[in-house]
């Protein structure tokens, strides 16, 4: 039996995320991954049952990291404006600190794997956010909306600004504190009763 080597496992994970972001899920083969990570294909199977298990583990690990990063300093009992501001700042920090991981999670969100894996992820993030939104509606700080509409108004503008910031095609756009505050004020105005 071969021993586990943390550096090899990390290399496999990192290269898998890079490949998925660059080439999509169809571009991820165990053979190509082994070559990119500098390991034999058999080494991958020490850590992962198969390709789907690899993707599942990457998703769970990244969901945990993303949740921890976005919940820093956040409490679901906060007033809506304060809590949303913290969410925005934390999400910007996560996306700028881990751009490749952000793109990986974006691809996961729009793949069949997302729905398949989300149920068993055991991530407290959704429950925390449900409490936050329910409290804000109860305190009349937020209009009651379907989750898809709420998410589109509350977070889509933020993620679009992050994409503009990270894209060289948008010239010299920089997502700074003033632009973040300006956009957040408009979002809050749209979500208040």
Protein backbone atom coordinates (compact mmCIF):
# COMPACT_ATOMS: atom_id res chain seq x y z
CA UNK A 1 0.00 0.00 0.00
CA UNK A 2 1.35 3.41 -0.99
CA UNK A 3 1.54 6.17 1.59
CA UNK A 4 -0.24 9.46 1.24
CA UNK A 5 1.95 12.45 0.41
CA UNK A 6 0.34 15.80 1.26
CA UNK A 7 2.41 17.71 -1.29
CA UNK A 8 1.33 15.36 -4.10
CA UNK A 9 -2.31 15.55 -3.03
CA UNK A 10 -2.12 19.36 -2.96
CA UNK A 11 -0.52 19.43 -6.42
CA UNK A 12 -3.28 17.18 -7.78
CA UNK A 13 -5.98 19.38 -6.25
CA UNK A 14 -4.45 22.63 -7.49
CA UNK A 15 -3.86 21.33 -11.02
CA UNK A 16 -7.38 19.90 -11.17
CA UNK A 17 -8.87 23.29 -10.28
CA UNK A 18 -6.65 24.99 -12.88
CA UNK A 19 -7.66 22.47 -15.56
CA UNK A 20 -11.37 22.79 -14.78
CA UNK A 21 -11.20 26.59 -14.91
CA UNK A 22 -9.13 26.61 -18.11
CA UNK A 23 -10.70 23.68 -20.00
CA UNK A 24 -14.02 22.97 -18.28
CA UNK A 25 -15.07 19.67 -16.76
CA UNK A 26 -14.71 17.86 -20.08
CA UNK A 27 -11.04 18.91 -20.19
CA UNK A 28 -10.28 17.13 -16.92
CA UNK A 29 -8.93 13.64 -17.54
CA UNK A 30 -6.95 11.69 -14.98
CA UNK A 31 -4.16 11.13 -17.52
CA UNK A 32 -3.78 14.87 -18.28
CA UNK A 33 -4.11 15.72 -14.59
CA UNK A 34 -1.37 13.26 -13.61
CA UNK A 35 0.98 14.78 -16.18
CA UNK A 36 0.18 18.37 -15.08
CA UNK A 37 0.65 17.49 -11.38
CA UNK A 38 3.85 15.56 -12.03
CA UNK A 39 2.55 12.26 -10.65
CA UNK A 40 1.63 8.90 -12.09
CA UNK A 41 -2.06 8.30 -12.88
CA UNK A 42 -2.08 5.57 -10.20
CA UNK A 43 -1.07 8.17 -7.58
CA UNK A 44 -4.31 10.07 -8.12
CA UNK A 45 -6.30 6.99 -7.09
CA UNK A 46 -4.59 6.95 -3.69
CA UNK A 47 -6.51 10.12 -2.88
CA UNK A 48 -9.64 9.90 -5.04
CA UNK A 49 -11.86 6.98 -6.09
CA UNK A 50 -12.46 8.41 -9.54
CA UNK A 51 -12.89 11.66 -11.45
CA UNK A 52 -16.27 12.42 -9.89
CA UNK A 53 -14.91 11.84 -6.39
CA UNK A 54 -12.10 14.29 -7.15
CA UNK A 55 -14.56 16.95 -8.32
CA UNK A 56 -16.81 16.29 -5.30
CA UNK A 57 -13.92 16.65 -2.85
CA UNK A 58 -12.69 19.83 -4.55
CA UNK A 59 -16.18 21.28 -4.35
CA UNK A 60 -16.66 20.40 -0.67
CA UNK A 61 -13.24 21.74 0.26
CA UNK A 62 -13.75 24.96 -1.66
CA UNK A 63 -17.27 25.43 -0.33
CA UNK A 64 -15.90 25.19 3.21
CA UNK A 65 -13.14 27.72 2.49
CA UNK A 66 -15.51 30.10 0.72
CA UNK A 67 -18.03 29.85 3.56
CA UNK A 68 -15.40 30.47 6.23
CA UNK A 69 -14.08 33.48 4.31
CA UNK A 70 -17.51 35.01 3.65
CA UNK A 71 -18.76 34.48 7.20
CA UNK A 72 -15.78 36.23 8.88
CA UNK A 73 -17.12 38.85 11.28
CA UNK A 74 -20.67 38.10 10.14
CA UNK A 75 -23.58 37.34 12.44
CA UNK A 76 -27.05 36.46 11.10
CA UNK A 77 -28.56 38.63 13.84
CA UNK A 78 -26.97 41.79 12.33
CA UNK A 79 -29.13 44.45 10.82
CA UNK A 80 -29.49 43.96 7.11
CA UNK A 81 -27.37 46.90 5.94
CA UNK A 82 -24.45 46.01 8.21
CA UNK A 83 -24.63 42.30 7.39
CA UNK A 84 -24.83 42.84 3.64
CA UNK A 85 -21.86 45.24 3.79
CA UNK A 86 -19.79 42.61 5.60
CA UNK A 87 -20.89 39.98 3.09
CA UNK A 88 -19.83 42.20 0.19
CA UNK A 89 -16.43 42.99 1.72
CA UNK A 90 -15.79 39.34 2.59
CA UNK A 91 -16.82 38.17 -0.88
CA UNK A 92 -14.57 40.73 -2.56
CA UNK A 93 -11.69 39.67 -0.34
CA UNK A 94 -12.27 35.98 -1.15
CA UNK A 95 -12.52 36.59 -4.90
CA UNK A 96 -9.42 38.77 -5.04
CA UNK A 97 -7.41 36.44 -2.79
CA UNK A 98 -8.49 33.26 -4.64
CA UNK A 99 -9.43 34.24 -8.23
CA UNK A 100 -8.89 30.74 -9.63
CA UNK A 101 -11.01 29.20 -6.87
CA UNK A 102 -13.72 31.81 -7.47
CA UNK A 103 -13.88 30.79 -11.14
CA UNK A 104 -13.94 27.12 -10.15
CA UNK A 105 -16.93 27.73 -7.86
CA UNK A 106 -18.64 29.72 -10.59
CA UNK A 107 -18.24 26.79 -12.98
CA UNK A 108 -19.52 24.40 -10.32
CA UNK A 109 -22.58 26.56 -9.76
CA UNK A 110 -23.51 26.23 -13.43
CA UNK A 111 -22.84 22.54 -13.77
CA UNK A 112 -24.89 19.40 -13.07
CA UNK A 113 -22.41 18.63 -10.27
CA UNK A 114 -23.66 21.54 -8.18
CA UNK A 115 -27.12 20.17 -7.57
CA UNK A 116 -25.79 16.64 -7.25
CA UNK A 117 -23.21 17.50 -4.57
CA UNK A 118 -24.85 20.40 -2.76
CA UNK A 119 -27.23 18.27 -0.70
CA UNK A 120 -24.53 16.26 1.06
CA UNK A 121 -22.07 19.13 1.49
CA UNK A 122 -23.09 19.72 5.15
CA UNK A 123 -22.29 23.40 4.88
CA UNK A 124 -23.85 25.73 7.48
CA UNK A 125 -23.63 28.73 5.13
CA UNK A 126 -27.13 28.40 3.64
CA UNK A 127 -28.74 28.05 7.07
CA UNK A 128 -26.90 31.13 8.37
CA UNK A 129 -27.98 33.18 5.37
CA UNK A 130 -31.60 32.00 5.70
CA UNK A 131 -31.65 33.26 9.30
CA UNK A 132 -30.08 36.56 8.24
CA UNK A 133 -32.64 37.16 5.47
CA UNK A 134 -35.59 36.03 7.63
CA UNK A 135 -34.54 38.38 10.42
CA UNK A 136 -34.21 41.29 7.98
CA UNK A 137 -37.68 40.62 6.54
CA UNK A 138 -39.16 40.31 10.03
CA UNK A 139 -37.59 43.65 11.08
CA UNK A 140 -38.91 45.22 7.86
CA UNK A 141 -35.36 45.98 6.64
CA UNK A 142 -35.78 43.85 3.50
CA UNK A 143 -38.64 43.21 1.10
CA UNK A 144 -39.73 39.60 0.83
CA UNK A 145 -38.58 38.19 -2.51
CA UNK A 146 -38.06 34.80 -4.12
CA UNK A 147 -34.49 33.67 -3.35
CA UNK A 148 -33.46 33.97 -7.02
CA UNK A 149 -34.62 37.60 -7.22
CA UNK A 150 -33.04 38.45 -3.86
CA UNK A 151 -29.72 36.86 -4.88
CA UNK A 152 -29.75 38.63 -8.26
CA UNK A 153 -30.22 42.02 -6.69
CA UNK A 154 -28.09 41.52 -3.55
CA UNK A 155 -25.03 39.82 -5.04
CA UNK A 156 -25.00 39.78 -8.86
CA UNK A 157 -23.93 43.46 -9.06
CA UNK A 158 -21.03 42.72 -6.70
CA UNK A 159 -19.83 39.73 -8.71
CA UNK A 160 -20.07 41.71 -11.95
CA UNK A 161 -17.93 44.49 -10.45
CA UNK A 162 -15.37 41.87 -9.37
CA UNK A 163 -15.30 40.51 -12.93
CA UNK A 164 -14.75 44.02 -14.31
CA UNK A 165 -11.93 44.50 -11.80
CA UNK A 166 -10.25 41.23 -12.77
CA UNK A 167 -10.72 41.61 -16.53
CA UNK A 168 -8.01 43.44 -18.48
CA UNK A 169 -10.59 44.08 -21.22
CA UNK A 170 -12.25 46.73 -19.05
CA UNK A 171 -9.29 49.06 -19.09
CA UNK A 172 -8.45 50.69 -15.82
CA UNK A 173 -11.53 49.80 -13.78
CA UNK A 174 -10.57 49.23 -10.18
CA UNK A 175 -13.02 48.05 -7.58
CA UNK A 176 -12.14 50.31 -4.70
CA UNK A 177 -13.98 51.19 -1.50
CA UNK A 178 -15.79 54.17 -3.05
CA UNK A 179 -17.14 52.16 -5.98
CA UNK A 180 -18.11 49.33 -3.67
CA UNK A 181 -20.00 51.74 -1.37
CA UNK A 182 -21.69 53.43 -4.33
CA UNK A 183 -22.97 50.11 -5.71
CA UNK A 184 -23.96 48.81 -2.27
CA UNK A 185 -26.06 51.92 -1.60
CA UNK A 186 -28.02 51.32 -4.81
CA UNK A 187 -28.52 47.65 -3.97
CA UNK A 188 -29.71 48.48 -0.45
CA UNK A 189 -32.12 51.05 -1.87
CA UNK A 190 -33.57 48.41 -4.21
CA UNK A 191 -34.01 45.85 -1.40
CA UNK A 192 -35.52 48.05 1.30
CA UNK A 193 -39.29 48.14 1.76
